[in-house]
Amino acid sequence: FAQARGMSDDEALGWLERSRAEGWRDFYGNSLDDLVEILEREGLKPLESSPRFWRALLVGGLSGARYAAEAW
C-alpha cells in the first residue's frame, strides 16, 4: 500500500476493512488479515497498535511492522 504513506492517524485502522473489501494481497499472496495473524503468533498485538504501527505494516510489510514494534 504505497498510498498509505502520509495517511492521517484516523485513517490507519480503516485499511484493514478496505483491504478485505478489495481482496488486497501482498507480494507473497498474504492478505492483511494473514499478516495480522502472523504478527499475533509472534507475540505482537497489531489490532491494539497505534496508527504509526499500521502505516509501517502497510508501507513496509512484515519487516516494517517488526521494526515498528521494536522502535516504538
PDB file of N, CA and C in Angstrom:
ATOM      1  N   PHE A   1       0.826  -1.194   0.000  1.00  0.00           N
ATOM      2  CA  PHE A   1       0.000   0.000   0.000  1.00  0.00           C
ATOM      3  C   PHE A   1       0.861   1.245   0.000  1.00  0.00           C
ATOM      4  N   ALA A   2       1.444   1.548  -1.099  1.00  0.00           N
ATOM      5  CA  ALA A   2       2.271   2.753  -1.164  1.00  0.00           C
ATOM      6  C   ALA A   2       1.447   3.983  -0.820  1.00  0.00           C
ATOM      7  N   GLN A   3       0.161   3.949  -1.119  1.00  0.00           N
ATOM      8  CA  GLN A   3      -0.696   5.094  -0.829  1.00  0.00           C
ATOM      9  C   GLN A   3      -0.914   5.301   0.665  1.00  0.00           C
ATOM     10  N   ALA A   4      -0.429   4.388   1.505  1.00  0.00           N
ATOM     11  CA  ALA A   4      -0.536   4.544   2.949  1.00  0.00           C
ATOM     12  C   ALA A   4       0.425   5.609   3.465  1.00  0.00           C
ATOM     13  N   ARG A   5       1.427   5.939   2.680  1.00  0.00           N
ATOM     14  CA  ARG A   5       2.363   6.979   3.100  1.00  0.00           C
ATOM     15  C   ARG A   5       1.591   8.282   3.280  1.00  0.00           C
ATOM     16  N   GLY A   6       1.789   8.927   4.424  1.00  0.00           N
ATOM     17  CA  GLY A   6       1.164  10.208   4.680  1.00  0.00           C
ATOM     18  C   GLY A   6      -0.280  10.129   5.143  1.00  0.00           C
ATOM     19  N   MET A   7      -0.810   8.944   5.363  1.00  0.00           N
ATOM     20  CA  MET A   7      -2.193   8.857   5.821  1.00  0.00           C
ATOM     21  C   MET A   7      -2.303   9.405   7.235  1.00  0.00           C
ATOM     22  N   SER A   8      -3.444   9.967   7.559  1.00  0.00           N
ATOM     23  CA  SER A   8      -3.646  10.521   8.891  1.00  0.00           C
ATOM     24  C   SER A   8      -3.940   9.408   9.887  1.00  0.00           C
ATOM     25  N   ASP A   9      -3.780   9.716  11.159  1.00  0.00           N
ATOM     26  CA  ASP A   9      -3.977   8.719  12.203  1.00  0.00           C
ATOM     27  C   ASP A   9      -5.377   8.121  12.184  1.00  0.00           C
ATOM     28  N   ASP A  10      -6.382   8.912  11.862  1.00  0.00           N
ATOM     29  CA  ASP A  10      -7.745   8.389  11.894  1.00  0.00           C
ATOM     30  C   ASP A  10      -8.052   7.485  10.691  1.00  0.00           C
ATOM     31  N   GLU A  11      -7.179   7.449   9.707  1.00  0.00           N
ATOM     32  CA  GLU A  11      -7.388   6.596   8.535  1.00  0.00           C
ATOM     33  C   GLU A  11      -6.734   5.225   8.663  1.00  0.00           C
ATOM     34  N   ALA A  12      -5.747   5.083   9.521  1.00  0.00           N
ATOM     35  CA  ALA A  12      -4.900   3.898   9.520  1.00  0.00           C
ATOM     36  C   ALA A  12      -5.669   2.607   9.739  1.00  0.00           C
ATOM     37  N   LEU A  13      -6.508   2.529  10.741  1.00  0.00           N
ATOM     38  CA  LEU A  13      -7.184   1.276  11.035  1.00  0.00           C
ATOM     39  C   LEU A  13      -8.245   0.939   9.998  1.00  0.00           C
ATOM     40  N   GLY A  14      -8.717   1.898   9.240  1.00  0.00           N
ATOM     41  CA  GLY A  14      -9.678   1.643   8.179  1.00  0.00           C
ATOM     42  C   GLY A  14      -9.099   0.817   7.039  1.00  0.00           C
ATOM     43  N   TRP A  15      -7.781   0.734   6.948  1.00  0.00           N
ATOM     44  CA  TRP A  15      -7.157  -0.028   5.875  1.00  0.00           C
ATOM     45  C   TRP A  15      -7.424  -1.514   6.004  1.00  0.00           C
ATOM     46  N   LEU A  16      -7.632  -2.026   7.207  1.00  0.00           N
ATOM     47  CA  LEU A  16      -7.924  -3.445   7.372  1.00  0.00           C
ATOM     48  C   LEU A  16      -9.245  -3.775   6.688  1.00  0.00           C
ATOM     49  N   GLU A  17     -10.268  -2.969   6.932  1.00  0.00           N
ATOM     50  CA  GLU A  17     -11.560  -3.187   6.284  1.00  0.00           C
ATOM     51  C   GLU A  17     -11.464  -2.985   4.775  1.00  0.00           C
ATOM     52  N   ARG A  18     -10.724  -1.956   4.373  1.00  0.00           N
ATOM     53  CA  ARG A  18     -10.578  -1.678   2.942  1.00  0.00           C
ATOM     54  C   ARG A  18      -9.866  -2.834   2.238  1.00  0.00           C
ATOM     55  N   SER A  19      -8.833  -3.379   2.877  1.00  0.00           N
ATOM     56  CA  SER A  19      -8.093  -4.478   2.248  1.00  0.00           C
ATOM     57  C   SER A  19      -8.970  -5.714   2.103  1.00  0.00           C
ATOM     58  N   ARG A  20      -9.863  -5.930   3.073  1.00  0.00           N
ATOM     59  CA  ARG A  20     -10.788  -7.066   2.981  1.00  0.00           C
ATOM     60  C   ARG A  20     -11.743  -6.875   1.809  1.00  0.00           C
ATOM     61  N   ALA A  21     -12.290  -5.689   1.684  1.00  0.00           N
ATOM     62  CA  ALA A  21     -13.264  -5.413   0.634  1.00  0.00           C
ATOM     63  C   ALA A  21     -12.651  -5.506  -0.763  1.00  0.00           C
ATOM     64  N   GLU A  22     -11.392  -5.097  -0.878  1.00  0.00           N
ATOM     65  CA  GLU A  22     -10.732  -5.072  -2.179  1.00  0.00           C
ATOM     66  C   GLU A  22      -9.966  -6.353  -2.488  1.00  0.00           C
ATOM     67  N   GLY A  23      -9.899  -7.271  -1.522  1.00  0.00           N
ATOM     68  CA  GLY A  23      -9.178  -8.512  -1.751  1.00  0.00           C
ATOM     69  C   GLY A  23      -7.675  -8.308  -1.908  1.00  0.00           C
ATOM     70  N   TRP A  24      -7.125  -7.320  -1.190  1.00  0.00           N
ATOM     71  CA  TRP A  24      -5.714  -6.983  -1.287  1.00  0.00           C
ATOM     72  C   TRP A  24      -4.829  -8.143  -0.854  1.00  0.00           C
ATOM     73  N   ARG A  25      -3.736  -8.341  -1.554  1.00  0.00           N
ATOM     74  CA  ARG A  25      -2.703  -9.326  -1.210  1.00  0.00           C
ATOM     75  C   ARG A  25      -1.341  -8.671  -1.382  1.00  0.00           C
ATOM     76  N   ASP A  26      -0.399  -9.063  -0.532  1.00  0.00           N
ATOM     77  CA  ASP A  26       0.954  -8.543  -0.704  1.00  0.00           C
ATOM     78  C   ASP A  26       1.691  -9.343  -1.769  1.00  0.00           C
ATOM     79  N   PHE A  27       2.939  -9.033  -1.963  1.00  0.00           N
ATOM     80  CA  PHE A  27       3.760  -9.679  -2.986  1.00  0.00           C
ATOM     81  C   PHE A  27       3.797 -11.198  -2.824  1.00  0.00           C
ATOM     82  N   TYR A  28       3.668 -11.662  -1.581  1.00  0.00           N
ATOM     83  CA  TYR A  28       3.756 -13.095  -1.290  1.00  0.00           C
ATOM     84  C   TYR A  28       2.395 -13.782  -1.251  1.00  0.00           C
ATOM     85  N   GLY A  29       1.325 -13.038  -1.528  1.00  0.00           N
ATOM     86  CA  GLY A  29      -0.015 -13.608  -1.541  1.00  0.00           C
ATOM     87  C   GLY A  29      -0.739 -13.548  -0.220  1.00  0.00           C
ATOM     88  N   ASN A  30      -0.159 -12.871   0.768  1.00  0.00           N
ATOM     89  CA  ASN A  30      -0.794 -12.745   2.081  1.00  0.00           C
ATOM     90  C   ASN A  30      -1.808 -11.610   2.091  1.00  0.00           C
ATOM     91  N   SER A  31      -2.957 -11.858   2.683  1.00  0.00           N
ATOM     92  CA  SER A  31      -3.909 -10.771   2.918  1.00  0.00           C
ATOM     93  C   SER A  31      -3.446 -10.007   4.151  1.00  0.00           C
ATOM     94  N   LEU A  32      -4.025  -8.858   4.392  1.00  0.00           N
ATOM     95  CA  LEU A  32      -3.683  -8.101   5.584  1.00  0.00           C
ATOM     96  C   LEU A  32      -4.079  -8.890   6.835  1.00  0.00           C
ATOM     97  N   ASP A  33      -5.180  -9.625   6.763  1.00  0.00           N
ATOM     98  CA  ASP A  33      -5.559 -10.493   7.879  1.00  0.00           C
ATOM     99  C   ASP A  33      -4.493 -11.562   8.131  1.00  0.00           C
ATOM    100  N   ASP A  34      -3.916 -12.113   7.054  1.00  0.00           N
ATOM    101  CA  ASP A  34      -2.831 -13.088   7.200  1.00  0.00           C
ATOM    102  C   ASP A  34      -1.641 -12.469   7.924  1.00  0.00           C
ATOM    103  N   LEU A  35      -1.293 -11.241   7.551  1.00  0.00           N
ATOM    104  CA  LEU A  35      -0.162 -10.568   8.183  1.00  0.00           C
ATOM    105  C   LEU A  35      -0.430 -10.318   9.659  1.00  0.00           C
ATOM    106  N   VAL A  36      -1.661  -9.923   9.979  1.00  0.00           N
ATOM    107  CA  VAL A  36      -2.042  -9.719  11.377  1.00  0.00           C
ATOM    108  C   VAL A  36      -1.893 -11.029  12.155  1.00  0.00           C
ATOM    109  N   GLU A  37      -2.344 -12.112  11.573  1.00  0.00           N
ATOM    110  CA  GLU A  37      -2.246 -13.419  12.231  1.00  0.00           C
ATOM    111  C   GLU A  37      -0.786 -13.815  12.468  1.00  0.00           C
ATOM    112  N   ILE A  38       0.066 -13.588  11.485  1.00  0.00           N
ATOM    113  CA  ILE A  38       1.492 -13.896  11.623  1.00  0.00           C
ATOM    114  C   ILE A  38       2.086 -13.085  12.769  1.00  0.00           C
ATOM    115  N   LEU A  39       1.779 -11.804  12.808  1.00  0.00           N
ATOM    116  CA  LEU A  39       2.316 -10.936  13.859  1.00  0.00           C
ATOM    117  C   LEU A  39       1.794 -11.338  15.232  1.00  0.00           C
ATOM    118  N   GLU A  40       0.536 -11.751  15.302  1.00  0.00           N
ATOM    119  CA  GLU A  40      -0.010 -12.201  16.589  1.00  0.00           C
ATOM    120  C   GLU A  40       0.693 -13.471  17.065  1.00  0.00           C
ATOM    121  N   ARG A  41       1.013 -14.365  16.149  1.00  0.00           N
ATOM    122  CA  ARG A  41       1.747 -15.581  16.529  1.00  0.00           C
ATOM    123  C   ARG A  41       3.136 -15.241  17.064  1.00  0.00           C
ATOM    124  N   GLU A  42       3.679 -14.116  16.627  1.00  0.00           N
ATOM    125  CA  GLU A  42       4.991 -13.671  17.096  1.00  0.00           C
ATOM    126  C   GLU A  42       4.894 -12.912  18.421  1.00  0.00           C
ATOM    127  N   GLY A  43       3.680 -12.780  18.945  1.00  0.00           N
ATOM    128  CA  GLY A  43       3.504 -12.112  20.227  1.00  0.00           C
ATOM    129  C   GLY A  43       3.156 -10.639  20.145  1.00  0.00           C
ATOM    130  N   LEU A  44       3.003 -10.119  18.942  1.00  0.00           N
ATOM    131  CA  LEU A  44       2.619  -8.714  18.790  1.00  0.00           C
ATOM    132  C   LEU A  44       1.098  -8.601  18.831  1.00  0.00           C
ATOM    133  N   LYS A  45       0.615  -7.398  19.043  1.00  0.00           N
ATOM    134  CA  LYS A  45      -0.823  -7.161  19.099  1.00  0.00           C
ATOM    135  C   LYS A  45      -1.195  -6.050  18.120  1.00  0.00           C
ATOM    136  N   PRO A  46      -1.184  -6.360  16.839  1.00  0.00           N
ATOM    137  CA  PRO A  46      -1.421  -5.313  15.837  1.00  0.00           C
ATOM    138  C   PRO A  46      -2.783  -4.636  15.964  1.00  0.00           C
ATOM    139  N   LEU A  47      -3.812  -5.372  16.369  1.00  0.00           N
ATOM    140  CA  LEU A  47      -5.140  -4.763  16.458  1.00  0.00           C
ATOM    141  C   LEU A  47      -5.237  -3.769  17.607  1.00  0.00           C
ATOM    142  N   GLU A  48      -4.264  -3.792  18.496  1.00  0.00           N
ATOM    143  CA  GLU A  48      -4.221  -2.841  19.609  1.00  0.00           C
ATOM    144  C   GLU A  48      -3.134  -1.786  19.398  1.00  0.00           C
ATOM    145  N   SER A  49      -2.503  -1.811  18.252  1.00  0.00           N
ATOM    146  CA  SER A  49      -1.359  -0.934  17.996  1.00  0.00           C
ATOM    147  C   SER A  49      -1.775   0.420  17.446  1.00  0.00           C
ATOM    148  N   SER A  50      -0.832   1.328  17.506  1.00  0.00           N
ATOM    149  CA  SER A  50      -1.069   2.706  17.073  1.00  0.00           C
ATOM    150  C   SER A  50      -1.151   2.813  15.553  1.00  0.00           C
ATOM    151  N   PRO A  51      -1.701   3.914  15.080  1.00  0.00           N
ATOM    152  CA  PRO A  51      -1.712   4.154  13.636  1.00  0.00           C
ATOM    153  C   PRO A  51      -0.316   4.152  13.018  1.00  0.00           C
ATOM    154  N   ARG A  52       0.697   4.579  13.782  1.00  0.00           N
ATOM    155  CA  ARG A  52       2.065   4.550  13.260  1.00  0.00           C
ATOM    156  C   ARG A  52       2.476   3.122  12.924  1.00  0.00           C
ATOM    157  N   PHE A  53       2.089   2.170  13.773  1.00  0.00           N
ATOM    158  CA  PHE A  53       2.395   0.766  13.524  1.00  0.00           C
ATOM    159  C   PHE A  53       1.728   0.306  12.234  1.00  0.00           C
ATOM    160  N   TRP A  54       0.456   0.679  12.047  1.00  0.00           N
ATOM    161  CA  TRP A  54      -0.276   0.268  10.841  1.00  0.00           C
ATOM    162  C   TRP A  54       0.329   0.854   9.587  1.00  0.00           C
ATOM    163  N   ARG A  55       0.764   2.107   9.660  1.00  0.00           N
ATOM    164  CA  ARG A  55       1.437   2.692   8.495  1.00  0.00           C
ATOM    165  C   ARG A  55       2.707   1.913   8.176  1.00  0.00           C
ATOM    166  N   ALA A  56       3.460   1.547   9.215  1.00  0.00           N
ATOM    167  CA  ALA A  56       4.685   0.771   8.994  1.00  0.00           C
ATOM    168  C   ALA A  56       4.360  -0.581   8.364  1.00  0.00           C
ATOM    169  N   LEU A  57       3.284  -1.222   8.813  1.00  0.00           N
ATOM    170  CA  LEU A  57       2.878  -2.505   8.235  1.00  0.00           C
ATOM    171  C   LEU A  57       2.455  -2.339   6.785  1.00  0.00           C
ATOM    172  N   LEU A  58       1.650  -1.343   6.517  1.00  0.00           N
ATOM    173  CA  LEU A  58       1.127  -1.151   5.166  1.00  0.00           C
ATOM    174  C   LEU A  58       2.205  -0.741   4.175  1.00  0.00           C
ATOM    175  N   VAL A  59       3.158   0.052   4.629  1.00  0.00           N
ATOM    176  CA  VAL A  59       4.207   0.517   3.727  1.00  0.00           C
ATOM    177  C   VAL A  59       5.369  -0.469   3.666  1.00  0.00           C
ATOM    178  N   GLY A  60       5.721  -1.063   4.821  1.00  0.00           N
ATOM    179  CA  GLY A  60       6.913  -1.895   4.880  1.00  0.00           C
ATOM    180  C   GLY A  60       6.683  -3.373   5.065  1.00  0.00           C
ATOM    181  N   GLY A  61       5.414  -3.805   5.055  1.00  0.00           N
ATOM    182  CA  GLY A  61       5.113  -5.220   5.207  1.00  0.00           C
ATOM    183  C   GLY A  61       5.512  -5.747   6.569  1.00  0.00           C
ATOM    184  N   LEU A  62       5.757  -7.039   6.645  1.00  0.00           N
ATOM    185  CA  LEU A  62       6.113  -7.659   7.926  1.00  0.00           C
ATOM    186  C   LEU A  62       7.384  -7.065   8.518  1.00  0.00           C
ATOM    187  N   SER A  63       8.378  -6.815   7.684  1.00  0.00           N
ATOM    188  CA  SER A  63       9.624  -6.262   8.222  1.00  0.00           C
ATOM    189  C   SER A  63       9.389  -4.857   8.777  1.00  0.00           C
ATOM    190  N   GLY A  64       8.560  -4.069   8.119  1.00  0.00           N
ATOM    191  CA  GLY A  64       8.229  -2.745   8.619  1.00  0.00           C
ATOM    192  C   GLY A  64       7.493  -2.808   9.942  1.00  0.00           C
ATOM    193  N   ALA A  65       6.558  -3.752  10.058  1.00  0.00           N
ATOM    194  CA  ALA A  65       5.804  -3.912  11.299  1.00  0.00           C
ATOM    195  C   ALA A  65       6.696  -4.385  12.434  1.00  0.00           C
ATOM    196  N   ARG A  66       7.597  -5.306  12.136  1.00  0.00           N
ATOM    197  CA  ARG A  66       8.505  -5.802  13.169  1.00  0.00           C
ATOM    198  C   ARG A  66       9.438  -4.682  13.655  1.00  0.00           C
ATOM    199  N   TYR A  67       9.924  -3.889  12.728  1.00  0.00           N
ATOM    200  CA  TYR A  67      10.774  -2.759  13.095  1.00  0.00           C
ATOM    201  C   TYR A  67       9.992  -1.775  13.964  1.00  0.00           C
ATOM    202  N   ALA A  68       8.777  -1.455  13.552  1.00  0.00           N
ATOM    203  CA  ALA A  68       7.958  -0.501  14.295  1.00  0.00           C
ATOM    204  C   ALA A  68       7.689  -0.999  15.705  1.00  0.00           C
ATOM    205  N   ALA A  69       7.424  -2.283  15.843  1.00  0.00           N
ATOM    206  CA  ALA A  69       7.129  -2.854  17.160  1.00  0.00           C
ATOM    207  C   ALA A  69       8.319  -2.701  18.095  1.00  0.00           C
ATOM    208  N   GLU A  70       9.515  -2.815  17.561  1.00  0.00           N
ATOM    209  CA  GLU A  70      10.715  -2.675  18.396  1.00  0.00           C
ATOM    210  C   GLU A  70      11.093  -1.219  18.626  1.00  0.00           C
ATOM    211  N   ALA A  71      10.823  -0.376  17.634  1.00  0.00           N
ATOM    212  CA  ALA A  71      11.255   1.020  17.704  1.00  0.00           C
ATOM    213  C   ALA A  71      10.337   1.891  18.559  1.00  0.00           C
ATOM    214  N   TRP A  72       9.048   1.544  18.601  1.00  0.00           N
ATOM    215  CA  TRP A  72       8.119   2.412  19.346  1.00  0.00           C
ATOM    216  C   TRP A  72       7.619   1.697  20.531  1.00  0.00           C
TER     217      TRP A  72
END
